[in-house]
């Protein structure tokens, strides 16, 4: 009996982003494009990749503009509320002037649904900020002089839909890592 070879062809896709300040090239790989209708697409920063973006205020301002363009009515505050306690205002406003790094970035497009339509795009983004001085060195934000200070913080943003998994099967959200030591 002769051997029969059945060929298969796949098309892979990658996207190289210039992220951060200064820009850092990060390549994100997607699944097989031939199967996007049945398997969807998944983009994710490679494990352990940390991308420095600049200050938290700059990031939040940009992110709010992108959310608004996408029709999402969530606004992340860029300054402390006037009714907040003074200590909390100082901490919040101090953290806004931190050095920001992306620790998690995932975009997911699920396959077509039973009606033949693609569900809305889902995403997860985690960023951390480390309080720094004018020379870029860690500098904690004092709350109780000499006794208690804040050295950083983080923000996580995830867009999901009722009935849809938050991430592809078998994946769990990454916890925000603590800010780097030194503050």
Protein backbone atom coordinates (compact mmCIF):
# COMPACT_ATOMS: atom_id res chain seq x y z
CA UNK A 1 0.00 0.00 0.00
CA UNK A 2 1.47 3.39 -0.97
CA UNK A 3 2.06 6.04 1.65
CA UNK A 4 -0.17 9.08 1.28
CA UNK A 5 1.04 12.45 2.49
CA UNK A 6 -1.61 15.04 3.23
CA UNK A 7 -0.15 18.51 3.37
CA UNK A 8 -1.30 21.13 5.83
CA UNK A 9 -0.39 24.78 5.73
CA UNK A 10 -0.44 27.20 8.63
CA UNK A 11 0.21 30.92 8.76
CA UNK A 12 1.75 32.33 11.92
CA UNK A 13 1.66 35.96 12.87
CA UNK A 14 3.72 38.12 15.17
CA UNK A 15 3.55 41.76 16.04
CA UNK A 16 6.53 43.75 17.25
CA UNK A 17 5.56 46.73 19.37
CA UNK A 18 7.78 49.64 20.30
CA UNK A 19 6.80 50.15 23.93
CA UNK A 20 8.12 52.42 26.59
CA UNK A 21 10.32 55.43 26.93
CA UNK A 22 12.89 54.91 25.48
CA UNK A 23 11.11 52.50 23.09
CA UNK A 24 11.76 48.81 23.67
CA UNK A 25 10.88 46.24 21.00
CA UNK A 26 8.52 43.56 22.28
CA UNK A 27 7.33 40.80 19.96
CA UNK A 28 3.88 39.35 20.58
CA UNK A 29 2.99 36.10 18.86
CA UNK A 30 -0.50 35.11 17.76
CA UNK A 31 -2.07 31.75 17.03
CA UNK A 32 -2.53 30.34 13.56
CA UNK A 33 -4.36 32.95 11.43
CA UNK A 34 -6.00 30.25 9.30
CA UNK A 35 -7.99 29.24 12.39
CA UNK A 36 -8.93 32.68 13.75
CA UNK A 37 -12.65 32.10 13.06
CA UNK A 38 -12.66 28.83 15.01
CA UNK A 39 -9.86 29.37 17.55
CA UNK A 40 -9.63 33.16 17.93
CA UNK A 41 -6.40 35.08 18.53
CA UNK A 42 -4.37 35.59 21.68
CA UNK A 43 -1.62 38.22 22.14
CA UNK A 44 0.46 38.39 25.30
CA UNK A 45 3.71 39.97 26.44
CA UNK A 46 6.28 37.19 26.84
CA UNK A 47 6.57 35.97 30.45
CA UNK A 48 8.95 38.08 32.51
CA UNK A 49 8.82 41.02 30.08
CA UNK A 50 8.65 44.37 31.85
CA UNK A 51 8.27 47.51 29.75
CA UNK A 52 8.99 50.98 31.20
CA UNK A 53 6.48 53.58 29.96
CA UNK A 54 7.24 56.83 31.79
CA UNK A 55 5.14 58.50 34.51
CA UNK A 56 1.82 57.18 35.77
CA UNK A 57 0.08 60.51 35.03
CA UNK A 58 1.13 60.32 31.37
CA UNK A 59 -0.02 56.70 31.12
CA UNK A 60 -3.40 57.34 32.76
CA UNK A 61 -4.07 60.36 30.53
CA UNK A 62 -3.30 58.30 27.42
CA UNK A 63 -5.27 55.29 28.69
CA UNK A 64 -8.34 57.44 29.47
CA UNK A 65 -8.25 58.82 25.91
CA UNK A 66 -8.05 55.29 24.47
CA UNK A 67 -10.91 54.06 26.65
CA UNK A 68 -13.03 57.02 25.55
CA UNK A 69 -12.25 56.33 21.87
CA UNK A 70 -13.29 52.70 22.41
CA UNK A 71 -16.61 53.82 23.89
CA UNK A 72 -15.75 52.70 27.42
CA UNK A 73 -17.14 55.10 30.00
CA UNK A 74 -14.54 54.41 32.70
CA UNK A 75 -12.24 57.27 33.67
CA UNK A 76 -9.19 56.63 35.82
CA UNK A 77 -8.52 59.65 38.06
CA UNK A 78 -5.42 61.76 37.36
CA UNK A 79 -5.49 63.64 40.66
CA UNK A 80 -6.73 63.05 44.18
CA UNK A 81 -10.30 63.99 45.00
CA UNK A 82 -10.75 67.28 46.87
CA UNK A 83 -12.74 65.53 49.59
CA UNK A 84 -10.03 62.96 50.28
CA UNK A 85 -7.98 63.13 53.51
CA UNK A 86 -4.77 65.15 53.06
CA UNK A 87 -2.50 62.15 53.67
CA UNK A 88 -4.33 60.12 51.00
CA UNK A 89 -4.20 63.08 48.57
CA UNK A 90 -0.42 63.35 49.11
CA UNK A 91 0.11 59.63 48.55
CA UNK A 92 -2.16 59.44 45.49
CA UNK A 93 -0.67 62.54 43.85
CA UNK A 94 2.86 61.35 44.70
CA UNK A 95 2.23 57.96 43.09
CA UNK A 96 1.00 59.70 39.93
CA UNK A 97 4.58 60.97 39.47
CA UNK A 98 6.07 57.47 39.59
CA UNK A 99 8.00 55.52 36.97
CA UNK A 100 5.53 53.11 35.34
CA UNK A 101 6.20 49.62 34.05
CA UNK A 102 3.85 47.22 32.25
CA UNK A 103 3.99 43.77 33.81
CA UNK A 104 1.03 42.15 32.00
CA UNK A 105 -0.56 42.88 28.63
CA UNK A 106 -3.01 40.47 27.02
CA UNK A 107 -5.41 40.92 24.11
CA UNK A 108 -7.90 38.16 23.32
CA UNK A 109 -10.25 37.81 20.38
CA UNK A 110 -12.54 34.83 20.83
CA UNK A 111 -13.59 32.79 17.79
CA UNK A 112 -16.81 33.53 15.96
CA UNK A 113 -19.97 32.81 17.93
CA UNK A 114 -22.92 30.65 16.83
CA UNK A 115 -24.30 33.62 14.86
CA UNK A 116 -21.05 33.98 12.90
CA UNK A 117 -19.96 37.19 14.68
CA UNK A 118 -16.76 37.89 16.57
CA UNK A 119 -17.38 38.69 20.26
CA UNK A 120 -15.95 41.97 21.58
CA UNK A 121 -12.21 42.06 22.23
CA UNK A 122 -11.09 41.30 25.79
CA UNK A 123 -7.90 42.60 27.39
CA UNK A 124 -5.89 42.70 30.59
CA UNK A 125 -3.26 45.29 31.50
CA UNK A 126 -1.28 45.49 34.74
CA UNK A 127 1.10 48.35 35.48
CA UNK A 128 3.18 49.22 38.52
CA UNK A 129 4.70 52.50 39.57
CA UNK A 130 7.72 53.19 41.72
CA UNK A 131 8.09 56.57 43.45
CA UNK A 132 11.21 58.28 42.13
CA UNK A 133 13.10 61.52 42.61
CA UNK A 134 14.21 63.93 39.88
CA UNK A 135 17.21 61.71 39.05
CA UNK A 136 15.08 58.57 38.62
CA UNK A 137 16.15 57.04 41.93
CA UNK A 138 13.57 55.41 44.23
CA UNK A 139 12.17 57.93 46.72
CA UNK A 140 9.32 56.84 49.00
CA UNK A 141 6.36 59.15 49.61
CA UNK A 142 6.29 59.97 53.31
CA UNK A 143 3.03 59.47 55.18
CA UNK A 144 4.27 59.65 58.77
CA UNK A 145 7.66 61.34 58.69
CA UNK A 146 10.37 58.79 59.44
CA UNK A 147 7.91 56.01 60.28
CA UNK A 148 5.81 55.13 57.25
CA UNK A 149 6.14 55.75 53.53
CA UNK A 150 4.74 54.46 50.24
CA UNK A 151 7.25 53.35 47.62
CA UNK A 152 4.86 52.51 44.78
CA UNK A 153 1.56 51.09 43.64
CA UNK A 154 -0.19 49.41 40.76
CA UNK A 155 -3.23 49.41 38.53
CA UNK A 156 -4.87 46.49 36.81
CA UNK A 157 -7.46 46.90 34.08
CA UNK A 158 -9.36 43.95 32.64
CA UNK A 159 -12.20 44.11 30.12
CA UNK A 160 -14.42 41.03 30.04
CA UNK A 161 -18.00 40.21 29.18
CA UNK A 162 -20.64 38.27 31.13
CA UNK A 163 -20.43 34.61 30.20
CA UNK A 164 -16.99 34.97 28.60
CA UNK A 165 -13.87 33.72 30.36
CA UNK A 166 -11.52 36.48 31.54
CA UNK A 167 -8.51 34.77 29.93
CA UNK A 168 -7.99 31.76 27.64
CA UNK A 169 -8.62 28.37 29.24
CA UNK A 170 -5.92 27.34 31.67
CA UNK A 171 -4.57 30.86 32.24
CA UNK A 172 -4.95 32.87 35.39
CA UNK A 173 -4.45 36.61 35.89
CA UNK A 174 -1.00 37.65 37.06
CA UNK A 175 -0.90 39.37 40.43
CA UNK A 176 0.63 42.82 40.47
CA UNK A 177 4.23 42.45 41.62
CA UNK A 178 5.50 44.63 44.43
CA UNK A 179 7.46 47.73 43.46
CA UNK A 180 11.22 47.26 43.18
CA UNK A 181 13.26 47.39 46.37
CA UNK A 182 15.24 50.45 47.25
CA UNK A 183 12.58 52.74 48.60
